[in-house]
C-alpha atoms as a PDB file:
ATOM      1  CA  UNK A   1       6.992   2.644 155.611  1.00  0.00           C
ATOM      2  CA  UNK A   2       6.402   5.761 153.523  1.00  0.00           C
ATOM      3  CA  UNK A   3       4.829   8.912 154.940  1.00  0.00           C
ATOM      4  CA  UNK A   4       1.805   8.539 152.677  1.00  0.00           C
ATOM      5  CA  UNK A   5       1.149   4.922 153.740  1.00  0.00           C
ATOM      6  CA  UNK A   6       1.461   5.797 157.423  1.00  0.00           C
ATOM      7  CA  UNK A   7      -1.130   8.520 156.832  1.00  0.00           C
ATOM      8  CA  UNK A   8      -3.505   6.085 155.113  1.00  0.00           C
ATOM      9  CA  UNK A   9      -3.258   3.511 157.929  1.00  0.00           C
ATOM     10  CA  UNK A  10      -3.661   6.118 160.645  1.00  0.00           C
ATOM     11  CA  UNK A  11      -6.650   7.636 158.880  1.00  0.00           C
ATOM     12  CA  UNK A  12      -8.334   4.213 158.591  1.00  0.00           C
ATOM     13  CA  UNK A  13      -7.755   3.457 162.268  1.00  0.00           C
ATOM     14  CA  UNK A  14      -9.188   6.780 163.352  1.00  0.00           C
ATOM     15  CA  UNK A  15     -11.968   6.986 160.775  1.00  0.00           C
ATOM     16  CA  UNK A  16     -14.692   6.399 163.354  1.00  0.00           C
ATOM     17  CA  UNK A  17     -13.382   9.152 165.620  1.00  0.00           C
ATOM     18  CA  UNK A  18     -12.197  11.832 163.247  1.00  0.00           C
ATOM     19  CA  UNK A  19     -13.910  13.632 160.427  1.00  0.00           C
ATOM     20  CA  UNK A  20     -10.678  13.917 158.401  1.00  0.00           C
ATOM     21  CA  UNK A  21      -7.149  12.620 158.132  1.00  0.00           C
ATOM     22  CA  UNK A  22      -4.845  12.996 161.144  1.00  0.00           C
ATOM     23  CA  UNK A  23      -1.871  13.658 158.855  1.00  0.00           C
ATOM     24  CA  UNK A  24      -1.522  16.962 157.051  1.00  0.00           C
ATOM     25  CA  UNK A  25       1.244  18.646 155.082  1.00  0.00           C
ATOM     26  CA  UNK A  26       1.615  21.119 152.265  1.00  0.00           C
ATOM     27  CA  UNK A  27       0.402  19.484 149.087  1.00  0.00           C
ATOM     28  CA  UNK A  28       2.921  19.016 146.241  1.00  0.00           C
ATOM     29  CA  UNK A  29       2.146  20.343 142.762  1.00  0.00           C
ATOM     30  CA  UNK A  30      -0.854  18.427 141.382  1.00  0.00           C
ATOM     31  CA  UNK A  31       0.208  16.055 138.578  1.00  0.00           C
ATOM     32  CA  UNK A  32      -1.774  15.666 135.394  1.00  0.00           C
ATOM     33  CA  UNK A  33      -4.706  13.196 135.450  1.00  0.00           C
ATOM     34  CA  UNK A  34      -2.786  10.739 133.264  1.00  0.00           C
ATOM     35  CA  UNK A  35       0.136  10.677 135.684  1.00  0.00           C
ATOM     36  CA  UNK A  36      -2.189  10.346 138.654  1.00  0.00           C
ATOM     37  CA  UNK A  37      -3.871   7.329 137.123  1.00  0.00           C
ATOM     38  CA  UNK A  38      -0.674   5.564 136.078  1.00  0.00           C
ATOM     39  CA  UNK A  39       1.718   6.342 138.962  1.00  0.00           C
ATOM     40  CA  UNK A  40       1.315   4.901 142.480  1.00  0.00           C
ATOM     41  CA  UNK A  41       0.896   7.776 144.939  1.00  0.00           C
ATOM     42  CA  UNK A  42       3.625   6.449 147.222  1.00  0.00           C
ATOM     43  CA  UNK A  43       6.164   6.469 144.372  1.00  0.00           C
ATOM     44  CA  UNK A  44       5.195   9.765 142.762  1.00  0.00           C
ATOM     45  CA  UNK A  45       7.878  12.476 142.851  1.00  0.00           C
ATOM     46  CA  UNK A  46       6.738  15.852 141.482  1.00  0.00           C
ATOM     47  CA  UNK A  47       8.977  17.253 138.759  1.00  0.00           C
ATOM     48  CA  UNK A  48       9.961  20.920 139.022  1.00  0.00           C
ATOM     49  CA  UNK A  49       8.305  23.293 136.610  1.00  0.00           C
ATOM     50  CA  UNK A  50      11.546  24.902 135.513  1.00  0.00           C
ATOM     51  CA  UNK A  51      14.022  23.799 132.862  1.00  0.00           C
ATOM     52  CA  UNK A  52      16.541  21.117 133.823  1.00  0.00           C
ATOM     53  CA  UNK A  53      19.537  21.449 131.451  1.00  0.00           C
ATOM     54  CA  UNK A  54      21.445  18.203 131.005  1.00  0.00           C
ATOM     55  CA  UNK A  55      25.056  17.538 129.921  1.00  0.00           C
ATOM     56  CA  UNK A  56      25.844  17.578 126.214  1.00  0.00           C
ATOM     57  CA  UNK A  57      24.070  20.783 125.209  1.00  0.00           C
ATOM     58  CA  UNK A  58      25.811  23.233 122.877  1.00  0.00           C
ATOM     59  CA  UNK A  59      25.843  26.855 123.947  1.00  0.00           C
ATOM     60  CA  UNK A  60      26.712  30.403 122.978  1.00  0.00           C
ATOM     61  CA  UNK A  61      27.370  33.261 125.386  1.00  0.00           C
ATOM     62  CA  UNK A  62      27.067  36.811 124.047  1.00  0.00           C
ATOM     63  CA  UNK A  63      26.693  39.974 126.100  1.00  0.00           C
ATOM     64  CA  UNK A  64      28.146  42.642 123.782  1.00  0.00           C
ATOM     65  CA  UNK A  65      27.881  43.604 120.122  1.00  0.00           C
ATOM     66  CA  UNK A  66      25.283  42.658 117.541  1.00  0.00           C
ATOM     67  CA  UNK A  67      23.825  39.244 118.300  1.00  0.00           C
ATOM     68  CA  UNK A  68      24.714  36.497 115.856  1.00  0.00           C
ATOM     69  CA  UNK A  69      21.195  35.274 115.212  1.00  0.00           C
ATOM     70  CA  UNK A  70      22.330  32.824 112.530  1.00  0.00           C
ATOM     71  CA  UNK A  71      24.331  30.678 114.934  1.00  0.00           C
ATOM     72  CA  UNK A  72      22.398  27.603 116.031  1.00  0.00           C
ATOM     73  CA  UNK A  73      23.081  26.174 119.493  1.00  0.00           C
ATOM     74  CA  UNK A  74      20.915  24.384 122.038  1.00  0.00           C
ATOM     75  CA  UNK A  75      21.357  27.198 124.551  1.00  0.00           C
ATOM     76  CA  UNK A  76      22.188  30.906 124.360  1.00  0.00           C
ATOM     77  CA  UNK A  77      23.134  33.119 127.325  1.00  0.00           C
ATOM     78  CA  UNK A  78      22.240  36.784 126.699  1.00  0.00           C
ATOM     79  CA  UNK A  79      21.517  39.957 128.650  1.00  0.00           C
ATOM     80  CA  UNK A  80      18.225  40.553 130.463  1.00  0.00           C
ATOM     81  CA  UNK A  81      17.566  43.752 128.542  1.00  0.00           C
ATOM     82  CA  UNK A  82      17.563  42.365 124.992  1.00  0.00           C
ATOM     83  CA  UNK A  83      14.382  42.948 123.026  1.00  0.00           C
ATOM     84  CA  UNK A  84      11.452  40.595 123.394  1.00  0.00           C
ATOM     85  CA  UNK A  85      11.639  39.651 119.714  1.00  0.00           C
ATOM     86  CA  UNK A  86      15.127  38.207 120.279  1.00  0.00           C
ATOM     87  CA  UNK A  87      13.923  35.815 122.955  1.00  0.00           C
ATOM     88  CA  UNK A  88      10.866  34.882 120.899  1.00  0.00           C
ATOM     89  CA  UNK A  89      13.076  34.174 117.894  1.00  0.00           C
ATOM     90  CA  UNK A  90      15.353  31.841 119.830  1.00  0.00           C
ATOM     91  CA  UNK A  91      12.391  30.004 121.288  1.00  0.00           C
ATOM     92  CA  UNK A  92      10.804  29.656 117.843  1.00  0.00           C
ATOM     93  CA  UNK A  93      13.698  27.478 116.772  1.00  0.00           C
ATOM     94  CA  UNK A  94      13.907  25.487 120.002  1.00  0.00           C
ATOM     95  CA  UNK A  95      16.807  27.300 121.662  1.00  0.00           C
ATOM     96  CA  UNK A  96      16.765  27.680 125.440  1.00  0.00           C
ATOM     97  CA  UNK A  97      17.631  31.181 126.652  1.00  0.00           C
ATOM     98  CA  UNK A  98      19.551  32.124 129.813  1.00  0.00           C
ATOM     99  CA  UNK A  99      19.018  35.561 131.354  1.00  0.00           C
ATOM    100  CA  UNK A 100      22.230  37.321 132.399  1.00  0.00           C
ATOM    101  CA  UNK A 101      22.010  39.576 135.456  1.00  0.00           C
ATOM    102  CA  UNK A 102      24.663  40.744 137.896  1.00  0.00           C
ATOM    103  CA  UNK A 103      23.619  39.927 141.445  1.00  0.00           C
ATOM    104  CA  UNK A 104      26.805  41.005 143.218  1.00  0.00           C
ATOM    105  CA  UNK A 105      27.678  44.267 141.523  1.00  0.00           C
ATOM    106  CA  UNK A 106      26.072  47.621 140.776  1.00  0.00           C
ATOM    107  CA  UNK A 107      26.303  48.702 137.124  1.00  0.00           C
ATOM    108  CA  UNK A 108      25.744  52.414 136.559  1.00  0.00           C
ATOM    109  CA  UNK A 109      24.372  51.954 133.027  1.00  0.00           C
ATOM    110  CA  UNK A 110      21.436  49.751 133.985  1.00  0.00           C
ATOM    111  CA  UNK A 111      17.857  51.102 133.814  1.00  0.00           C
ATOM    112  CA  UNK A 112      17.387  50.401 137.535  1.00  0.00           C
ATOM    113  CA  UNK A 113      20.713  51.906 138.664  1.00  0.00           C
ATOM    114  CA  UNK A 114      19.048  54.767 140.540  1.00  0.00           C
ATOM    115  CA  UNK A 115      17.132  52.303 142.725  1.00  0.00           C
ATOM    116  CA  UNK A 116      20.221  51.043 144.585  1.00  0.00           C
ATOM    117  CA  UNK A 117      20.484  52.614 148.071  1.00  0.00           C
ATOM    118  CA  UNK A 118      23.875  54.181 148.755  1.00  0.00           C
ATOM    119  CA  UNK A 119      24.442  51.980 151.785  1.00  0.00           C
ATOM    120  CA  UNK A 120      24.655  48.828 149.630  1.00  0.00           C
ATOM    121  CA  UNK A 121      27.296  50.275 147.272  1.00  0.00           C
ATOM    122  CA  UNK A 122      30.850  49.262 148.103  1.00  0.00           C
ATOM    123  CA  UNK A 123      34.227  49.717 146.507  1.00  0.00           C
ATOM    124  CA  UNK A 124      34.790  49.946 142.753  1.00  0.00           C
ATOM    125  CA  UNK A 125      34.938  46.635 140.945  1.00  0.00           C
ATOM    126  CA  UNK A 126      38.529  46.835 139.763  1.00  0.00           C
ATOM    127  CA  UNK A 127      38.905  46.399 136.024  1.00  0.00           C
ATOM    128  CA  UNK A 128      35.236  47.007 135.226  1.00  0.00           C
ATOM    129  CA  UNK A 129      34.378  50.676 134.772  1.00  0.00           C
ATOM    130  CA  UNK A 130      31.086  51.835 136.256  1.00  0.00           C
ATOM    131  CA  UNK A 131      30.685  48.854 138.589  1.00  0.00           C
ATOM    132  CA  UNK A 132      30.746  48.672 142.372  1.00  0.00           C
ATOM    133  CA  UNK A 133      30.455  45.711 144.703  1.00  0.00           C
ATOM    134  CA  UNK A 134      27.208  45.206 146.600  1.00  0.00           C
ATOM    135  CA  UNK A 135      26.589  44.501 150.264  1.00  0.00           C
ATOM    136  CA  UNK A 136      24.840  41.172 149.755  1.00  0.00           C
ATOM    137  CA  UNK A 137      24.082  40.925 153.469  1.00  0.00           C
ATOM    138  CA  UNK A 138      21.352  43.525 152.916  1.00  0.00           C
ATOM    139  CA  UNK A 139      18.850  41.310 151.185  1.00  0.00           C
ATOM    140  CA  UNK A 140      16.141  43.563 152.610  1.00  0.00           C
ATOM    141  CA  UNK A 141      17.430  46.449 150.494  1.00  0.00           C
ATOM    142  CA  UNK A 142      18.465  44.443 147.437  1.00  0.00           C
ATOM    143  CA  UNK A 143      15.296  42.345 147.251  1.00  0.00           C
ATOM    144  CA  UNK A 144      13.072  44.900 145.470  1.00  0.00           C
ATOM    145  CA  UNK A 145      15.698  45.344 142.741  1.00  0.00           C
ATOM    146  CA  UNK A 146      16.707  41.716 142.286  1.00  0.00           C
ATOM    147  CA  UNK A 147      13.147  40.435 142.421  1.00  0.00           C
ATOM    148  CA  UNK A 148      12.113  42.967 139.780  1.00  0.00           C
ATOM    149  CA  UNK A 149      14.917  41.656 137.576  1.00  0.00           C
ATOM    150  CA  UNK A 150      13.803  38.072 138.084  1.00  0.00           C
ATOM    151  CA  UNK A 151      10.237  39.125 137.338  1.00  0.00           C
ATOM    152  CA  UNK A 152      11.397  40.661 134.072  1.00  0.00           C
ATOM    153  CA  UNK A 153      13.373  37.527 133.167  1.00  0.00           C
ATOM    154  CA  UNK A 154      10.247  35.459 133.709  1.00  0.00           C
ATOM    155  CA  UNK A 155       7.923  37.902 131.944  1.00  0.00           C
ATOM    156  CA  UNK A 156      10.121  37.869 128.846  1.00  0.00           C
ATOM    157  CA  UNK A 157      10.079  34.088 128.785  1.00  0.00           C
ATOM    158  CA  UNK A 158      13.693  33.342 129.661  1.00  0.00           C
ATOM    159  CA  UNK A 159      14.318  29.762 130.738  1.00  0.00           C
ATOM    160  CA  UNK A 160      17.053  30.355 133.296  1.00  0.00           C
ATOM    161  CA  UNK A 161      19.200  32.886 135.136  1.00  0.00           C
ATOM    162  CA  UNK A 162      22.957  33.433 135.140  1.00  0.00           C
ATOM    163  CA  UNK A 163      23.696  35.167 138.487  1.00  0.00           C
ATOM    164  CA  UNK A 164      26.968  36.905 137.677  1.00  0.00           C
ATOM    165  CA  UNK A 165      29.277  38.026 140.482  1.00  0.00           C
ATOM    166  CA  UNK A 166      27.682  35.708 143.020  1.00  0.00           C
ATOM    167  CA  UNK A 167      31.233  34.825 144.096  1.00  0.00           C
ATOM    168  CA  UNK A 168      31.964  37.911 146.156  1.00  0.00           C
ATOM    169  CA  UNK A 169      32.970  37.320 149.774  1.00  0.00           C
ATOM    170  CA  UNK A 170      36.682  37.006 148.958  1.00  0.00           C
ATOM    171  CA  UNK A 171      36.775  40.269 146.980  1.00  0.00           C
ATOM    172  CA  UNK A 172      37.827  43.708 148.232  1.00  0.00           C
ATOM    173  CA  UNK A 173      34.230  44.883 148.456  1.00  0.00           C
ATOM    174  CA  UNK A 174      34.485  47.281 151.387  1.00  0.00           C
ATOM    175  CA  UNK A 175      32.160  45.049 153.417  1.00  0.00           C
ATOM    176  CA  UNK A 176      33.061  42.273 155.915  1.00  0.00           C
ATOM    177  CA  UNK A 177      31.315  39.578 153.909  1.00  0.00           C
ATOM    178  CA  UNK A 178      31.556  35.902 154.835  1.00  0.00           C
ATOM    179  CA  UNK A 179      30.996  32.647 153.014  1.00  0.00           C
ATOM    180  CA  UNK A 180      27.739  32.227 154.908  1.00  0.00           C
ATOM    181  CA  UNK A 181      26.558  35.644 153.693  1.00  0.00           C
ATOM    182  CA  UNK A 182      27.226  34.548 150.134  1.00  0.00           C
ATOM    183  CA  UNK A 183      25.558  31.159 150.575  1.00  0.00           C
ATOM    184  CA  UNK A 184      22.466  32.704 152.153  1.00  0.00           C
ATOM    185  CA  UNK A 185      22.163  35.230 149.325  1.00  0.00           C
ATOM    186  CA  UNK A 186      22.523  32.650 146.552  1.00  0.00           C
ATOM    187  CA  UNK A 187      20.071  30.263 148.188  1.00  0.00           C
ATOM    188  CA  UNK A 188      17.561  33.099 148.476  1.00  0.00           C
ATOM    189  CA  UNK A 189      18.036  34.007 144.804  1.00  0.00           C
ATOM    190  CA  UNK A 190      17.618  30.372 143.761  1.00  0.00           C
ATOM    191  CA  UNK A 191      14.383  30.039 145.702  1.00  0.00           C
ATOM    192  CA  UNK A 192      13.010  33.194 144.125  1.00  0.00           C
ATOM    193  CA  UNK A 193      14.088  32.145 140.622  1.00  0.00           C
ATOM    194  CA  UNK A 194      12.431  28.764 141.035  1.00  0.00           C
ATOM    195  CA  UNK A 195       9.230  30.399 142.255  1.00  0.00           C
ATOM    196  CA  UNK A 196       9.127  32.143 138.882  1.00  0.00           C
ATOM    197  CA  UNK A 197       9.743  28.946 136.895  1.00  0.00           C
ATOM    198  CA  UNK A 198      13.356  29.868 136.148  1.00  0.00           C
ATOM    199  CA  UNK A 199      16.331  27.542 136.422  1.00  0.00           C
ATOM    200  CA  UNK A 200      19.387  29.099 138.042  1.00  0.00           C
ATOM    201  CA  UNK A 201      23.047  28.262 137.583  1.00  0.00           C
ATOM    202  CA  UNK A 202      26.135  28.391 139.755  1.00  0.00           C
ATOM    203  CA  UNK A 203      28.507  31.002 138.324  1.00  0.00           C
ATOM    204  CA  UNK A 204      32.105  30.006 139.122  1.00  0.00           C
ATOM    205  CA  UNK A 205      32.507  29.781 142.966  1.00  0.00           C
ATOM    206  CA  UNK A 206      33.954  26.238 142.970  1.00  0.00           C
ATOM    207  CA  UNK A 207      34.139  26.186 146.775  1.00  0.00           C
ATOM    208  CA  UNK A 208      30.338  26.390 146.867  1.00  0.00           C
ATOM    209  CA  UNK A 209      29.679  23.304 144.754  1.00  0.00           C
ATOM    210  CA  UNK A 210      29.072  20.947 147.656  1.00  0.00           C
ATOM    211  CA  UNK A 211      26.492  23.300 149.175  1.00  0.00           C
ATOM    212  CA  UNK A 212      24.755  24.230 145.924  1.00  0.00           C
ATOM    213  CA  UNK A 213      24.771  21.204 143.610  1.00  0.00           C
ATOM    214  CA  UNK A 214      21.452  20.004 145.029  1.00  0.00           C
ATOM    215  CA  UNK A 215      19.992  23.534 144.971  1.00  0.00           C
ATOM    216  CA  UNK A 216      20.984  24.917 141.567  1.00  0.00           C
ATOM    217  CA  UNK A 217      20.298  23.498 138.124  1.00  0.00           C
ATOM    218  CA  UNK A 218      23.512  23.921 136.096  1.00  0.00           C
ATOM    219  CA  UNK A 219      26.864  25.709 136.246  1.00  0.00           C
ATOM    220  CA  UNK A 220      28.700  28.333 134.200  1.00  0.00           C
ATOM    221  CA  UNK A 221      32.499  28.443 134.437  1.00  0.00           C
ATOM    222  CA  UNK A 222      35.158  30.906 133.339  1.00  0.00           C
ATOM    223  CA  UNK A 223      38.818  29.929 132.892  1.00  0.00           C
ATOM    224  CA  UNK A 224      38.232  26.796 134.959  1.00  0.00           C
ATOM    225  CA  UNK A 225      40.589  24.677 132.862  1.00  0.00           C
ATOM    226  CA  UNK A 226      43.276  27.363 132.759  1.00  0.00           C
ATOM    227  CA  UNK A 227      43.219  27.724 136.548  1.00  0.00           C
ATOM    228  CA  UNK A 228      42.794  23.968 137.127  1.00  0.00           C
ATOM    229  CA  UNK A 229      39.558  23.944 139.122  1.00  0.00           C
ATOM    230  CA  UNK A 230      37.219  22.405 136.551  1.00  0.00           C
ATOM    231  CA  UNK A 231      37.183  19.102 138.463  1.00  0.00           C
ATOM    232  CA  UNK A 232      35.521  20.913 141.365  1.00  0.00           C
ATOM    233  CA  UNK A 233      32.410  21.292 139.219  1.00  0.00           C
ATOM    234  CA  UNK A 234      32.173  17.621 138.279  1.00  0.00           C
ATOM    235  CA  UNK A 235      29.403  16.945 140.843  1.00  0.00           C
ATOM    236  CA  UNK A 236      27.023  18.876 138.574  1.00  0.00           C
ATOM    237  CA  UNK A 237      27.691  16.592 135.609  1.00  0.00           C
ATOM    238  CA  UNK A 238      27.573  13.563 137.900  1.00  0.00           C
ATOM    239  CA  UNK A 239      24.106  14.709 138.984  1.00  0.00           C
ATOM    240  CA  UNK A 240      22.983  14.929 135.348  1.00  0.00           C
ATOM    241  CA  UNK A 241      23.204  18.735 135.256  1.00  0.00           C
ATOM    242  CA  UNK A 242      24.810  20.744 132.461  1.00  0.00           C
ATOM    243  CA  UNK A 243      28.131  22.505 132.969  1.00  0.00           C
ATOM    244  CA  UNK A 244      28.792  25.332 130.502  1.00  0.00           C
ATOM    245  CA  UNK A 245      32.485  26.226 130.427  1.00  0.00           C
ATOM    246  CA  UNK A 246      34.154  29.193 128.721  1.00  0.00           C
ATOM    247  CA  UNK A 247      37.879  29.709 128.264  1.00  0.00           C
ATOM    248  CA  UNK A 248      39.172  33.087 127.050  1.00  0.00           C
ATOM    249  CA  UNK A 249      41.498  34.046 124.220  1.00  0.00           C
ATOM    250  CA  UNK A 250      43.436  36.520 126.386  1.00  0.00           C
ATOM    251  CA  UNK A 251      44.823  33.642 128.487  1.00  0.00           C
ATOM    252  CA  UNK A 252      47.681  31.475 127.160  1.00  0.00           C
ATOM    253  CA  UNK A 253      45.825  28.230 127.696  1.00  0.00           C
ATOM    254  CA  UNK A 254      45.528  25.185 125.449  1.00  0.00           C
ATOM    255  CA  UNK A 255      41.924  25.123 124.264  1.00  0.00           C
ATOM    256  CA  UNK A 256      42.287  21.709 122.634  1.00  0.00           C
ATOM    257  CA  UNK A 257      43.398  20.289 125.982  1.00  0.00           C
ATOM    258  CA  UNK A 258      40.469  22.038 127.636  1.00  0.00           C
ATOM    259  CA  UNK A 259      38.203  20.318 125.107  1.00  0.00           C
ATOM    260  CA  UNK A 260      39.690  16.914 125.899  1.00  0.00           C
ATOM    261  CA  UNK A 261      39.105  17.451 129.600  1.00  0.00           C
ATOM    262  CA  UNK A 262      35.651  18.823 128.909  1.00  0.00           C
ATOM    263  CA  UNK A 263      34.653  15.677 127.025  1.00  0.00           C
ATOM    264  CA  UNK A 264      35.899  13.519 129.902  1.00  0.00           C
ATOM    265  CA  UNK A 265      33.959  15.569 132.445  1.00  0.00           C
ATOM    266  CA  UNK A 266      30.844  15.848 130.221  1.00  0.00           C
ATOM    267  CA  UNK A 267      31.067  19.648 130.137  1.00  0.00           C
ATOM    268  CA  UNK A 268      30.155  21.922 127.205  1.00  0.00           C
ATOM    269  CA  UNK A 269      33.221  24.083 126.481  1.00  0.00           C
ATOM    270  CA  UNK A 270      33.689  27.103 124.212  1.00  0.00           C
ATOM    271  CA  UNK A 271      36.425  29.663 123.597  1.00  0.00           C
ATOM    272  CA  UNK A 272      35.432  33.343 123.807  1.00  0.00           C
ATOM    273  CA  UNK A 273      36.797  36.859 123.704  1.00  0.00           C
ATOM    274  CA  UNK A 274      36.836  38.421 127.172  1.00  0.00           C
ATOM    275  CA  UNK A 275      34.181  41.000 126.217  1.00  0.00           C
ATOM    276  CA  UNK A 276      31.812  38.187 125.208  1.00  0.00           C
ATOM    277  CA  UNK A 277      31.009  39.447 121.737  1.00  0.00           C
ATOM    278  CA  UNK A 278      29.650  37.206 118.973  1.00  0.00           C
ATOM    279  CA  UNK A 279      32.925  35.405 118.251  1.00  0.00           C
ATOM    280  CA  UNK A 280      33.025  31.824 119.510  1.00  0.00           C
ATOM    281  CA  UNK A 281      35.064  28.677 118.919  1.00  0.00           C
ATOM    282  CA  UNK A 282      33.579  25.287 119.685  1.00  0.00           C
ATOM    283  CA  UNK A 283      35.362  22.107 120.618  1.00  0.00           C
ATOM    284  CA  UNK A 284      36.040  19.871 117.592  1.00  0.00           C
ATOM    285  CA  UNK A 285      33.184  17.516 118.449  1.00  0.00           C
ATOM    286  CA  UNK A 286      30.678  20.406 118.440  1.00  0.00           C
ATOM    287  CA  UNK A 287      29.247  22.413 115.484  1.00  0.00           C
END
């Protein structure tokens, strides 16, 4: 018997003794009147307010250079600090927009760089000038910065968040981070993103799929076909969630083979330059 029906029966039995129902819990989001009138209460499942990207969407990912505003895709992944007019333009033509932020690294060129306490800054992020790893255990110190970024994503009207560098515990960060530290941090970020009506994706981290597929809303992969871990992300597609995959031109992989595998797995694959400029190559079955 469902929770709701148990509550109804118990309330009826105790109606003469109690002034209200004996069963109480936090109320779910209130559905629209039309849904309330057409859907049995016992069967009603509230839908989340944030975007739920599904397999089959085309996408572009650009973080450097002049944006190619003439390219039409279902989804575009761009930096948090682009101008408001850019986001408004994409929305005007029906394109969903993902907000790129780094959640695991400090970037010295960001407007909020001076807000990072020294104690959360770790070793240099090798290969990426101006970046340092973060001590993600210190959510208390990172929260004001990361929440302000999520607030800005939401205020600008982004539909979702790409949490770059969430896969961190195995790196040479200078901190004794564990898998559980990483999981706790990502789950906290997801909860905060959802509070703001933002979807959030899993960025790489294939070993986290089992723990996150029911928490996050899509996935973004880099070099997954080249390094042969794309199958690890299949649970997202199986759950009806989009998987956006990017292979890079600086790796000697076979993009056509990646496309064949992508079609089988129901992923959306593109080929990009490593610096994520405007150049993009789609699989043959995409525009």
